[in-house]
PDB file of N, CA and C in Angstrom:
ATOM      1  N   MET A   1    -182.997  71.118 130.728  1.00  0.00           N
ATOM      2  CA  MET A   1    -184.069  71.322 129.636  1.00  0.00           C
ATOM      3  C   MET A   1    -183.372  73.085 129.386  1.00  0.00           C
ATOM      4  N   ALA A   2    -183.540  73.480 128.046  1.00  0.00           N
ATOM      5  CA  ALA A   2    -182.870  74.526 127.918  1.00  0.00           C
ATOM      6  C   ALA A   2    -184.085  75.397 128.324  1.00  0.00           C
ATOM      7  N   ASP A   3    -183.716  77.034 128.634  1.00  0.00           N
ATOM      8  CA  ASP A   3    -184.529  78.146 129.005  1.00  0.00           C
ATOM      9  C   ASP A   3    -185.469  78.366 127.811  1.00  0.00           C
ATOM     10  N   LEU A   4    -187.005  78.834 128.144  1.00  0.00           N
ATOM     11  CA  LEU A   4    -187.572  79.302 127.075  1.00  0.00           C
ATOM     12  C   LEU A   4    -187.249  80.492 126.697  1.00  0.00           C
ATOM     13  N   SER A   5    -187.265  80.986 125.560  1.00  0.00           N
ATOM     14  CA  SER A   5    -187.066  82.709 125.181  1.00  0.00           C
ATOM     15  C   SER A   5    -188.233  83.175 125.218  1.00  0.00           C
ATOM     16  N   GLU A   6    -187.948  84.422 125.515  1.00  0.00           N
ATOM     17  CA  GLU A   6    -189.035  85.559 126.013  1.00  0.00           C
ATOM     18  C   GLU A   6    -190.503  85.394 125.197  1.00  0.00           C
ATOM     19  N   GLY A   7    -190.118  85.314 123.874  1.00  0.00           N
ATOM     20  CA  GLY A   7    -191.336  85.019 123.038  1.00  0.00           C
ATOM     21  C   GLY A   7    -192.013  84.106 123.456  1.00  0.00           C
ATOM     22  N   CYS A   8    -191.590  82.793 123.914  1.00  0.00           N
ATOM     23  CA  CYS A   8    -192.016  81.351 124.165  1.00  0.00           C
ATOM     24  C   CYS A   8    -192.714  81.600 125.708  1.00  0.00           C
ATOM     25  N   LYS A   9    -191.886  82.839 126.550  1.00  0.00           N
ATOM     26  CA  LYS A   9    -192.861  83.135 127.724  1.00  0.00           C
ATOM     27  C   LYS A   9    -194.009  83.625 127.718  1.00  0.00           C
ATOM     28  N   ASP A  10    -193.798  84.720 126.887  1.00  0.00           N
ATOM     29  CA  ASP A  10    -195.102  85.621 126.732  1.00  0.00           C
ATOM     30  C   ASP A  10    -196.019  84.603 126.165  1.00  0.00           C
ATOM     31  N   HIS A  11    -195.996  84.026 124.899  1.00  0.00           N
ATOM     32  CA  HIS A  11    -196.890  83.360 124.977  1.00  0.00           C
ATOM     33  C   HIS A  11    -197.720  82.394 125.982  1.00  0.00           C
ATOM     34  N   LEU A  12    -197.157  81.531 126.611  1.00  0.00           N
ATOM     35  CA  LEU A  12    -197.511  81.011 127.763  1.00  0.00           C
ATOM     36  C   LEU A  12    -198.130  81.883 128.545  1.00  0.00           C
ATOM     37  N   ILE A  13    -197.794  83.300 129.066  1.00  0.00           N
ATOM     38  CA  ILE A  13    -198.347  83.874 129.973  1.00  0.00           C
ATOM     39  C   ILE A  13    -199.782  84.488 129.245  1.00  0.00           C
ATOM     40  N   LYS A  14    -199.922  84.620 127.911  1.00  0.00           N
ATOM     41  CA  LYS A  14    -200.938  84.997 127.238  1.00  0.00           C
ATOM     42  C   LYS A  14    -202.413  84.001 127.061  1.00  0.00           C
ATOM     43  N   ALA A  15    -201.487  82.309 127.173  1.00  0.00           N
ATOM     44  CA  ALA A  15    -202.449  81.629 127.476  1.00  0.00           C
ATOM     45  C   ALA A  15    -203.170  81.323 128.764  1.00  0.00           C
ATOM     46  N   LEU A  16    -202.095  81.545 129.635  1.00  0.00           N
ATOM     47  CA  LEU A  16    -203.027  81.431 131.099  1.00  0.00           C
ATOM     48  C   LEU A  16    -204.180  82.481 131.064  1.00  0.00           C
ATOM     49  N   HIS A  17    -203.740  83.884 130.644  1.00  0.00           N
ATOM     50  CA  HIS A  17    -204.858  84.393 131.060  1.00  0.00           C
ATOM     51  C   HIS A  17    -205.990  84.866 130.079  1.00  0.00           C
ATOM     52  N   ASP A  18    -205.943  84.212 129.051  1.00  0.00           N
ATOM     53  CA  ASP A  18    -207.055  83.930 127.953  1.00  0.00           C
ATOM     54  C   ASP A  18    -207.818  83.540 128.012  1.00  0.00           C
ATOM     55  N   ASP A  19    -209.086  83.812 127.958  1.00  0.00           N
ATOM     56  CA  ASP A  19    -210.426  82.839 128.130  1.00  0.00           C
ATOM     57  C   ASP A  19    -210.914  81.695 127.303  1.00  0.00           C
ATOM     58  N   ASP A  20    -210.874  82.452 126.224  1.00  0.00           N
ATOM     59  CA  ASP A  20    -210.835  81.823 124.742  1.00  0.00           C
ATOM     60  C   ASP A  20    -210.236  80.196 124.530  1.00  0.00           C
ATOM     61  N   PRO A  21    -210.711  79.232 124.420  1.00  0.00           N
ATOM     62  CA  PRO A  21    -210.053  78.250 124.146  1.00  0.00           C
ATOM     63  C   PRO A  21    -208.977  77.914 122.842  1.00  0.00           C
ATOM     64  N   ALA A  22    -209.749  78.947 121.671  1.00  0.00           N
ATOM     65  CA  ALA A  22    -208.875  78.955 120.517  1.00  0.00           C
ATOM     66  C   ALA A  22    -207.733  79.339 120.839  1.00  0.00           C
ATOM     67  N   GLU A  23    -207.836  80.755 121.730  1.00  0.00           N
ATOM     68  CA  GLU A  23    -206.362  81.726 121.755  1.00  0.00           C
ATOM     69  C   GLU A  23    -205.317  80.750 122.493  1.00  0.00           C
ATOM     70  N   LYS A  24    -205.886  80.084 123.839  1.00  0.00           N
ATOM     71  CA  LYS A  24    -205.222  79.635 124.572  1.00  0.00           C
ATOM     72  C   LYS A  24    -204.562  78.488 123.749  1.00  0.00           C
ATOM     73  N   ASN A  25    -205.246  77.763 122.567  1.00  0.00           N
ATOM     74  CA  ASN A  25    -204.787  76.863 122.026  1.00  0.00           C
ATOM     75  C   ASN A  25    -203.415  77.278 121.020  1.00  0.00           C
ATOM     76  N   TYR A  26    -203.859  78.553 120.301  1.00  0.00           N
ATOM     77  CA  TYR A  26    -202.902  79.388 119.525  1.00  0.00           C
ATOM     78  C   TYR A  26    -201.591  79.387 120.143  1.00  0.00           C
ATOM     79  N   HIS A  27    -201.637  79.804 121.218  1.00  0.00           N
ATOM     80  CA  HIS A  27    -200.571  80.553 122.191  1.00  0.00           C
ATOM     81  C   HIS A  27    -199.562  79.126 122.530  1.00  0.00           C
ATOM     82  N   ILE A  28    -200.261  78.145 123.098  1.00  0.00           N
ATOM     83  CA  ILE A  28    -199.453  76.738 123.320  1.00  0.00           C
ATOM     84  C   ILE A  28    -198.792  75.911 121.795  1.00  0.00           C
ATOM     85  N   ARG A  29    -199.876  76.393 120.914  1.00  0.00           N
ATOM     86  CA  ARG A  29    -198.865  75.491 119.670  1.00  0.00           C
ATOM     87  C   ARG A  29    -197.947  76.440 119.036  1.00  0.00           C
ATOM     88  N   GLN A  30    -197.684  78.034 119.519  1.00  0.00           N
ATOM     89  CA  GLN A  30    -196.547  78.656 119.017  1.00  0.00           C
ATOM     90  C   GLN A  30    -195.504  78.197 119.775  1.00  0.00           C
ATOM     91  N   VAL A  31    -195.835  77.962 121.237  1.00  0.00           N
ATOM     92  CA  VAL A  31    -194.495  77.525 121.814  1.00  0.00           C
ATOM     93  C   VAL A  31    -194.079  76.497 121.853  1.00  0.00           C
ATOM     94  N   LEU A  32    -195.101  75.318 120.916  1.00  0.00           N
ATOM     95  CA  LEU A  32    -194.484  73.633 121.121  1.00  0.00           C
ATOM     96  C   LEU A  32    -193.568  73.889 119.760  1.00  0.00           C
ATOM     97  N   GLN A  33    -194.235  74.707 118.368  1.00  0.00           N
ATOM     98  CA  GLN A  33    -193.342  74.955 117.210  1.00  0.00           C
ATOM     99  C   GLN A  33    -192.283  75.365 117.483  1.00  0.00           C
ATOM    100  N   ALA A  34    -192.051  76.678 118.263  1.00  0.00           N
ATOM    101  CA  ALA A  34    -190.743  77.094 118.453  1.00  0.00           C
ATOM    102  C   ALA A  34    -189.498  76.189 119.166  1.00  0.00           C
ATOM    103  N   THR A  35    -190.427  75.550 120.250  1.00  0.00           N
ATOM    104  CA  THR A  35    -189.388  74.542 121.005  1.00  0.00           C
ATOM    105  C   THR A  35    -189.136  73.106 120.109  1.00  0.00           C
ATOM    106  N   ALA A  36    -189.685  72.576 119.435  1.00  0.00           N
ATOM    107  CA  ALA A  36    -189.444  71.726 118.533  1.00  0.00           C
ATOM    108  C   ALA A  36    -188.476  71.969 117.576  1.00  0.00           C
ATOM    109  N   ALA A  37    -188.649  72.973 116.953  1.00  0.00           N
ATOM    110  CA  ALA A  37    -187.486  73.578 116.144  1.00  0.00           C
ATOM    111  C   ALA A  37    -186.138  73.841 116.822  1.00  0.00           C
ATOM    112  N   ASP A  38    -186.489  73.984 118.132  1.00  0.00           N
ATOM    113  CA  ASP A  38    -184.614  74.501 118.994  1.00  0.00           C
ATOM    114  C   ASP A  38    -183.988  72.707 119.052  1.00  0.00           C
ATOM    115  N   SER A  39    -185.185  71.842 119.183  1.00  0.00           N
ATOM    116  CA  SER A  39    -184.533  70.289 119.558  1.00  0.00           C
ATOM    117  C   SER A  39    -183.754  69.582 118.255  1.00  0.00           C
ATOM    118  N   ILE A  40    -184.076  70.129 117.209  1.00  0.00           N
ATOM    119  CA  ILE A  40    -183.642  69.752 116.007  1.00  0.00           C
ATOM    120  C   ILE A  40    -182.051  69.815 115.937  1.00  0.00           C
ATOM    121  N   ASP A  41    -181.374  71.369 116.392  1.00  0.00           N
ATOM    122  CA  ASP A  41    -180.518  71.721 116.641  1.00  0.00           C
ATOM    123  C   ASP A  41    -179.344  70.937 117.565  1.00  0.00           C
ATOM    124  N   GLU A  42    -180.363  70.637 118.980  1.00  0.00           N
ATOM    125  CA  GLU A  42    -179.747  70.131 119.719  1.00  0.00           C
ATOM    126  C   GLU A  42    -179.547  68.388 119.590  1.00  0.00           C
ATOM    127  N   ALA A  43    -179.989  67.773 118.565  1.00  0.00           N
ATOM    128  CA  ALA A  43    -180.179  66.207 118.295  1.00  0.00           C
ATOM    129  C   ALA A  43    -178.975  66.206 117.462  1.00  0.00           C
ATOM    130  N   ALA A  44    -178.170  66.878 116.919  1.00  0.00           N
ATOM    131  CA  ALA A  44    -176.911  66.596 115.786  1.00  0.00           C
ATOM    132  C   ALA A  44    -177.596  65.875 114.791  1.00  0.00           C
ATOM    133  N   VAL A  45    -178.680  65.953 114.430  1.00  0.00           N
ATOM    134  CA  VAL A  45    -178.364  65.024 113.095  1.00  0.00           C
ATOM    135  C   VAL A  45    -177.922  65.670 111.844  1.00  0.00           C
ATOM    136  N   GLU A  46    -177.659  64.173 110.997  1.00  0.00           N
ATOM    137  CA  GLU A  46    -177.008  64.394 110.034  1.00  0.00           C
ATOM    138  C   GLU A  46    -177.865  64.534 108.649  1.00  0.00           C
ATOM    139  N   LEU A  47    -178.088  65.461 108.278  1.00  0.00           N
ATOM    140  CA  LEU A  47    -178.985  65.580 107.239  1.00  0.00           C
ATOM    141  C   LEU A  47    -178.156  64.959 105.704  1.00  0.00           C
ATOM    142  N   LYS A  48    -178.894  64.255 104.921  1.00  0.00           N
ATOM    143  CA  LYS A  48    -178.408  63.926 103.776  1.00  0.00           C
ATOM    144  C   LYS A  48    -179.137  64.109 102.633  1.00  0.00           C
ATOM    145  N   ARG A  49    -178.705  64.458 101.139  1.00  0.00           N
ATOM    146  CA  ARG A  49    -179.638  64.862  99.827  1.00  0.00           C
ATOM    147  C   ARG A  49    -180.469  63.353  99.717  1.00  0.00           C
ATOM    148  N   LEU A  50    -181.333  63.646  99.058  1.00  0.00           N
ATOM    149  CA  LEU A  50    -182.563  62.342  98.623  1.00  0.00           C
ATOM    150  C   LEU A  50    -181.200  61.667  97.435  1.00  0.00           C
ATOM    151  N   GLY A  51    -181.499  60.418  97.392  1.00  0.00           N
ATOM    152  CA  GLY A  51    -181.120  59.626  96.559  1.00  0.00           C
ATOM    153  C   GLY A  51    -179.343  59.778  96.908  1.00  0.00           C
ATOM    154  N   ALA A  52    -178.913  60.538  98.023  1.00  0.00           N
ATOM    155  CA  ALA A  52    -177.542  59.913  97.959  1.00  0.00           C
ATOM    156  C   ALA A  52    -177.233  58.673  99.060  1.00  0.00           C
ATOM    157  N   GLU A  53    -176.222  58.070  98.844  1.00  0.00           N
ATOM    158  CA  GLU A  53    -176.059  56.839  99.650  1.00  0.00           C
ATOM    159  C   GLU A  53    -175.503  56.949 100.936  1.00  0.00           C
TER     160      GLU A  53
END
């Protein structure tokens, strides 16, 4: 598993320290979105144009 970026680590730390569930949710979602975007590059997915055979 790849190391998390500093921004992701900061969001997780803020989620741990925050008491508001909505704020915790925000920080965790930010990390999930950032790490999901990274996994696309790692998967080496070949994209094709719509309508291409």
